[in-house]
Protein backbone atom coordinates (compact mmCIF):
# COMPACT_ATOMS: atom_id res chain seq x y z
CA SER A 1 0.01 0.09 0.00
CA SER A 2 2.97 2.45 -0.88
CA ASN A 3 0.22 5.42 -2.19
CA SER A 4 -1.00 5.85 1.19
CA TYR A 5 0.13 6.78 4.59
CA PHE A 6 -0.70 5.16 8.31
CA MET A 7 -2.97 7.76 10.41
CA LYS A 8 -3.72 6.74 13.62
CA ASP A 9 -7.23 8.06 13.89
CA HIS A 10 -8.19 5.76 10.92
CA ALA A 11 -7.97 3.02 12.87
CA ASN A 12 -10.50 2.66 15.88
CA VAL A 13 -12.90 0.10 17.37
CA SER A 14 -16.80 0.74 17.20
CA ASN A 15 -18.69 -1.97 18.58
CA GLY A 16 -16.03 -4.16 19.30
CA GLN A 17 -14.81 -4.65 16.05
CA LEU A 18 -11.75 -3.22 14.72
CA VAL A 19 -12.45 -0.71 11.76
CA LEU A 20 -9.55 0.14 9.41
CA THR A 21 -10.67 3.34 7.12
CA VAL A 22 -8.32 4.59 3.94
CA ASP A 23 -9.63 7.60 2.53
CA GLU A 24 -8.52 10.54 0.57
CA ALA A 25 -7.14 13.16 3.25
CA ALA A 26 -4.19 15.40 3.19
CA ASN A 27 -1.40 14.95 5.88
CA GLU A 28 1.52 16.86 6.41
CA ALA A 29 4.10 13.97 7.57
CA SER A 30 3.59 12.26 4.00
CA PRO A 31 2.31 15.06 1.11
CA SER A 32 3.48 13.24 -1.86
CA ARG A 33 0.99 10.38 -1.00
CA ALA A 34 -2.60 11.11 -2.14
CA TYR A 35 -4.45 8.89 0.70
CA THR A 36 -4.22 7.60 4.20
CA GLY A 37 -4.99 4.25 5.80
CA GLY A 38 -5.43 2.11 8.34
CA GLY A 39 -3.33 -0.46 10.45
CA VAL A 40 -2.15 -2.38 13.38
CA ASN A 41 0.43 -5.13 14.18
CA THR A 42 2.11 -6.54 17.62
CA ALA A 43 5.22 -4.70 17.47
CA ALA A 44 4.02 -1.29 18.11
CA TRP A 45 1.15 -1.88 20.82
CA ALA A 46 2.68 -4.48 22.37
CA ASN A 47 6.09 -4.92 21.44
CA HIS A 48 5.79 -8.23 20.87
CA GLY A 49 7.57 -10.92 17.76
CA GLN A 50 7.95 -14.02 17.95
CA VAL A 51 10.07 -17.23 16.63
CA TYR A 52 7.20 -19.78 15.30
CA GLY A 53 3.74 -19.92 16.20
CA LYS A 54 0.00 -19.97 15.22
CA TRP A 55 -1.74 -16.26 14.37
CA GLU A 56 -5.45 -16.18 13.86
CA VAL A 57 -7.55 -13.07 12.54
CA GLU A 58 -11.09 -13.08 11.58
CA ALA A 59 -11.54 -10.00 8.97
CA GLN A 60 -13.75 -9.07 6.45
CA PHE A 61 -12.08 -6.90 3.63
CA PRO A 62 -12.45 -3.99 1.65
CA THR A 63 -13.26 -3.42 -1.74
CA GLY A 64 -12.99 -1.08 -4.32
CA PHE A 65 -10.60 -0.39 -7.37
CA GLY A 66 -7.35 0.32 -6.00
CA VAL A 67 -7.91 -0.40 -2.48
CA THR A 68 -6.20 -3.23 -0.60
CA GLY A 69 -6.30 -5.18 2.67
CA TYR A 70 -4.16 -7.54 4.27
CA ILE A 71 -2.97 -9.59 7.29
CA GLY A 72 0.36 -10.62 7.11
CA LEU A 73 3.77 -11.67 9.33
CA PHE A 74 6.59 -9.07 9.28
CA SER A 75 10.17 -8.79 10.76
CA THR A 76 10.12 -7.10 13.72
CA ASP A 77 13.34 -5.34 13.06
CA LYS A 78 12.02 -3.81 9.79
CA VAL A 79 14.59 -5.59 7.47
CA TRP A 80 12.20 -6.38 4.69
CA PRO A 81 11.90 -9.79 3.40
CA PRO A 82 10.83 -11.65 4.96
CA GLU A 83 7.00 -11.20 4.88
CA VAL A 84 4.22 -13.63 4.88
CA ASP A 85 0.69 -12.97 3.78
CA PHE A 86 -1.25 -15.23 4.77
CA ALA A 87 -4.73 -13.24 3.31
CA GLU A 88 -4.19 -10.49 0.95
CA MET A 89 -7.66 -9.28 -0.92
CA ILE A 90 -7.27 -6.74 -3.77
CA GLY A 91 -10.57 -4.45 -4.27
CA ARG A 92 -11.13 -5.08 -7.46
CA GLU A 93 -10.75 -8.89 -7.68
CA PRO A 94 -12.92 -9.68 -4.50
CA THR A 95 -13.15 -13.21 -5.60
CA LYS A 96 -9.47 -13.58 -5.14
CA LEU A 97 -7.90 -14.59 -1.87
CA TYR A 98 -3.54 -14.23 -2.13
CA LEU A 99 -1.15 -16.22 0.01
CA THR A 100 2.05 -15.11 -0.42
CA GLN A 101 5.79 -15.45 0.95
CA HIS A 102 8.17 -13.06 0.59
CA TYR A 103 11.82 -13.74 0.93
CA GLY A 104 15.44 -13.57 -0.67
CA THR A 105 17.41 -10.15 -0.06
CA SER A 106 15.70 -6.66 -0.32
CA GLU A 107 17.66 -6.55 -3.87
CA ALA A 108 16.66 -9.42 -5.19
CA THR A 109 13.46 -10.31 -3.67
CA GLU A 110 11.50 -14.03 -4.87
CA LYS A 111 8.16 -15.09 -3.98
CA SER A 112 6.10 -18.00 -3.83
CA GLY A 113 2.59 -18.56 -2.99
CA SER A 114 -0.69 -19.22 -4.09
CA VAL A 115 -4.47 -17.62 -5.53
CA ILE A 116 -7.29 -19.20 -4.27
CA ASP A 117 -10.86 -18.02 -6.20
CA SER A 118 -13.48 -17.94 -3.91
CA SER A 119 -15.59 -19.97 -5.61
CA THR A 120 -13.56 -23.33 -4.53
CA LEU A 121 -15.10 -23.10 -1.16
CA ASP A 122 -18.38 -21.89 -2.79
CA LEU A 123 -18.25 -18.17 -1.29
CA SER A 124 -19.29 -15.30 -4.06
CA ALA A 125 -16.57 -12.93 -2.65
CA TRP A 126 -14.11 -13.04 0.25
CA ALA A 127 -15.27 -9.40 0.90
CA ASP A 128 -18.99 -10.22 1.52
CA THR A 129 -18.47 -11.42 5.33
CA PHE A 130 -15.98 -12.52 8.27
CA HIS A 131 -13.72 -15.28 7.28
CA ILE A 132 -10.80 -16.78 9.76
CA TYR A 133 -7.25 -16.55 8.37
CA SER A 134 -4.69 -18.31 9.95
CA ILE A 135 -1.12 -19.62 9.66
CA GLU A 136 1.04 -22.07 11.69
CA TRP A 137 5.31 -21.51 11.37
CA THR A 138 6.97 -24.45 12.78
CA PRO A 139 10.82 -25.28 11.57
CA GLU A 140 8.59 -27.75 9.29
CA GLY A 141 7.17 -24.96 7.38
CA LEU A 142 4.04 -22.45 7.00
CA LYS A 143 0.36 -23.84 6.82
CA TYR A 144 -2.32 -21.25 5.96
CA PHE A 145 -6.17 -21.62 6.67
CA VAL A 146 -8.98 -20.01 6.44
CA ASP A 147 -11.94 -20.85 8.20
CA GLY A 148 -10.08 -23.73 10.01
CA ALA A 149 -9.75 -25.74 6.54
CA LEU A 150 -5.73 -25.85 5.33
CA VAL A 151 -5.37 -24.25 2.12
CA LEU A 152 -1.69 -24.32 1.65
CA ASN A 153 1.15 -25.84 2.79
CA GLN A 154 4.83 -24.11 2.15
CA THR A 155 8.31 -24.40 2.76
CA ALA A 156 9.48 -21.45 4.72
CA HIS A 157 12.16 -19.93 2.51
CA PHE A 158 14.02 -17.07 5.34
CA ASP A 159 16.27 -17.51 8.25
CA PRO A 160 14.09 -17.66 11.33
CA SER A 161 13.71 -14.66 13.16
CA GLU A 162 11.29 -12.68 14.57
CA MET A 163 7.83 -11.56 13.35
CA ASP A 164 4.79 -9.40 14.18
CA VAL A 165 1.48 -10.02 13.18
CA ALA A 166 0.45 -6.77 11.10
CA VAL A 167 -3.33 -5.88 9.73
CA GLY A 168 -3.85 -3.16 7.19
CA THR A 169 -5.41 -1.34 4.38
CA GLY A 170 -4.69 1.24 1.79
CA THR A 171 -3.96 1.70 -1.49
CA GLY A 172 -1.82 1.44 -4.56
CA ASP A 173 0.26 3.13 -6.92
CA CYS A 174 -1.05 3.83 -10.14
CA GLY A 175 -0.50 1.28 -12.66
CA SER A 176 1.14 -1.30 -9.98
CA PHE A 177 -0.68 -4.51 -9.33
CA VAL A 178 -2.73 -3.10 -6.39
CA ASP A 179 -3.84 -0.21 -9.19
CA CYS A 180 -5.44 3.65 -7.47
CA PRO A 181 -8.17 4.92 -6.65
CA GLU A 182 -8.26 7.78 -9.21
CA ASN A 183 -8.25 4.76 -12.03
CA ALA A 184 -11.29 3.49 -10.98
CA GLU A 185 -13.44 5.53 -13.30
CA THR A 186 -11.22 4.89 -16.56
CA ASN A 187 -11.61 1.38 -15.45
CA GLY A 188 -15.19 1.61 -15.35
CA PHE A 189 -15.61 1.25 -11.47
CA ARG A 190 -17.33 3.39 -9.48
CA HIS A 191 -14.87 5.97 -7.31
CA PRO A 192 -14.33 3.13 -4.09
CA LEU A 193 -13.25 5.44 -1.06
CA PRO A 194 -13.74 5.84 1.88
CA ALA A 195 -13.38 2.24 2.17
CA THR A 196 -13.36 0.28 5.66
CA MET A 197 -11.64 -3.53 6.35
CA LEU A 198 -12.95 -5.03 9.70
């Protein structure tokens, strides 16, 4: 979500749910970015990272051209890669769920993963309702689950070091994989903002 900037007021709790909002908003900290998003991670609010374990998040993804939502593991020491997205949805493709492991070096990154079409699980779209996304990371590898069902089993292609879980929403750069909201109408979509991830 490189075309957006996280703002604290875009991550709120309402009716017992975390609400992450992406919208157009000017911000002094990063004036070159046209959008603001919301996100949380365990390193920032709990000073917590761990090697191996299970992480689980119940979420409903945002929709709209140029909008994305993700749930993933990131290096606690802020070195990238590794990154393990155990659930990511691109708003203009609400029937596809991306599971992706990023590894290698910052100069020569690689990735492996899978795309799960919602029709394989008898769903209309990932953003229609809440689902439970989880990952188990052991010395043997990575196991990805959706609503308790194992959907992907991978070898971990990175050295074990502390990771924290992060959940966020934002936008992409124009022309990128996610694209940007200002390209919505020229691609036959309505302007998507504001959008929320729950």
